[in-house]
Amino acid sequence: MISSKSSWTRKLLKALVLIGIVALPVEIMSYMAGKILASKSLLYNPPQIESYTSYLQNRDPVLGWPNPASFGQDEFDQSGSRIVPKFPDPSLPSCAALFGDSFTWGEEVTPEQAYGNVLAGLMGCRVANYGVGGYGTDQAYLRYESMTKVNAPIVILGHYSENIIRNINQERGFLTNQAIGLKPRFILEGNKLRLVPLPALTEAEHLSLRTHAHELLPYDYFAPGGPSGIHSLKFPFTLSVLGTIQHYRLMAKLKRQPSYAQFYDPAHSSQALQVTEAIIKKFASEAQRRKQKPMVLLIPDEKDLRWLRDHGSLPYTELATRLKSAGIIVPDAAEELNKYLGKRDPCELYTRCGGGHFNPEGYKQLAEIVFAKLVETGWVRPQ
């Protein structure tokens, strides 16, 4: 007679086999789906690094990137500015200096077509361009703060609308799954900014971000498994894939708004608006202390121009209002670009819809808007 215990054991084994038969194909399919989602930056999958030791040795010790050794090559001049073809000698005094991300740098166009070089032509003097691709507003400010020998009378901080996301992030891989991009960030303690420095992760720790991001990067709003809805590609893969439903980008798509728009809400849990506002005000205050004239350029994405047409406002209107109320000079770049376009599609000013930078026409218009504002304020004379 077979004991009830043996019968129960066999039933359990059969159940486990059946579960395995069903679950294994589902897990395989989920893994494949997860790889696709990761390629679209909807699941975090740590990027492969050829030499983590080399990365640590070459990175900027404060800002993360660019590698200071690249100055004097790769379109950087010896001062760390992008080459300014109209006034290429970096030893010449600059009448203005630009800080910001790839839109300030002039990504996807030649140095001649970058807005800084066009602005130099309009002003008739050297405009140093210290923009760096992938920077948050925080890194742009920190670069300005560190460059105490930049004595240009006018300094312009560029804030591309999506940068608000970078200001609450420390590992760029959580956002893009591209090459590693560890960075510093600021947090607010009361009404004061405190710098959380560049993370000093070992290679083993970086590889373990898939499962230990919250312990290793506790100040990164986008750490997998946190409030942003970002998840890691890890076992069980089915749960990882299902977790992407909560991804902040997908949630924004359902609401038909740009993915970064929610972060300009003063009530957002990340405090991204308040942190960004404080960084920009710190830039303006430091510039004034150095007896420089600060301007803040809010650079619109193509989606912002569409939002302006559909809603009569911008996703970052609250930030612009706060800065202007504080007496900071802020050109109405989006409004002017929209006026310039007339009935034309906003995409005509960008290299491509949904993620492109300005094309030469867009950068030219941006330069003309900045120049017009400089003339309006009385900081420069019309040529």
Foldseek 3Di string as FASTA:
>chain_A
DDDPVVVVVVVVVVVVVVCCVVLVVVQVVLLVVVVVCVQVLLAFDAADDPDVPVQVVQADQFFRDDRLVCACHPQHDNVQFGQQVVDRDPVFQFQEEEFEACLLNPPPADNCLRLQNLLCVFQVGHYTGNYYHPDALLSRLVVVVVPLVNQRQEYEYEHELLSLLVQQAAWCSSRRVDPTGGGKHWDDDPLDIDIDTGQDDDPVVSNCLLPCVCVRPVRRQSRAPHQQLHHHCDPSSSVNSVSSCSHLCNVCVVVVAHSSLVSLDCPDPSNSVSRSLSSVVVSCVVCVVSNHQYAYEHHYALRQLVCCVVPVAGSNNVSVVVCVVVVHHYFPLSVQLNVVQPPHRSQVQFPGPDDGHGDSVNSSSSSVSVVVSCCVVVVGPGD
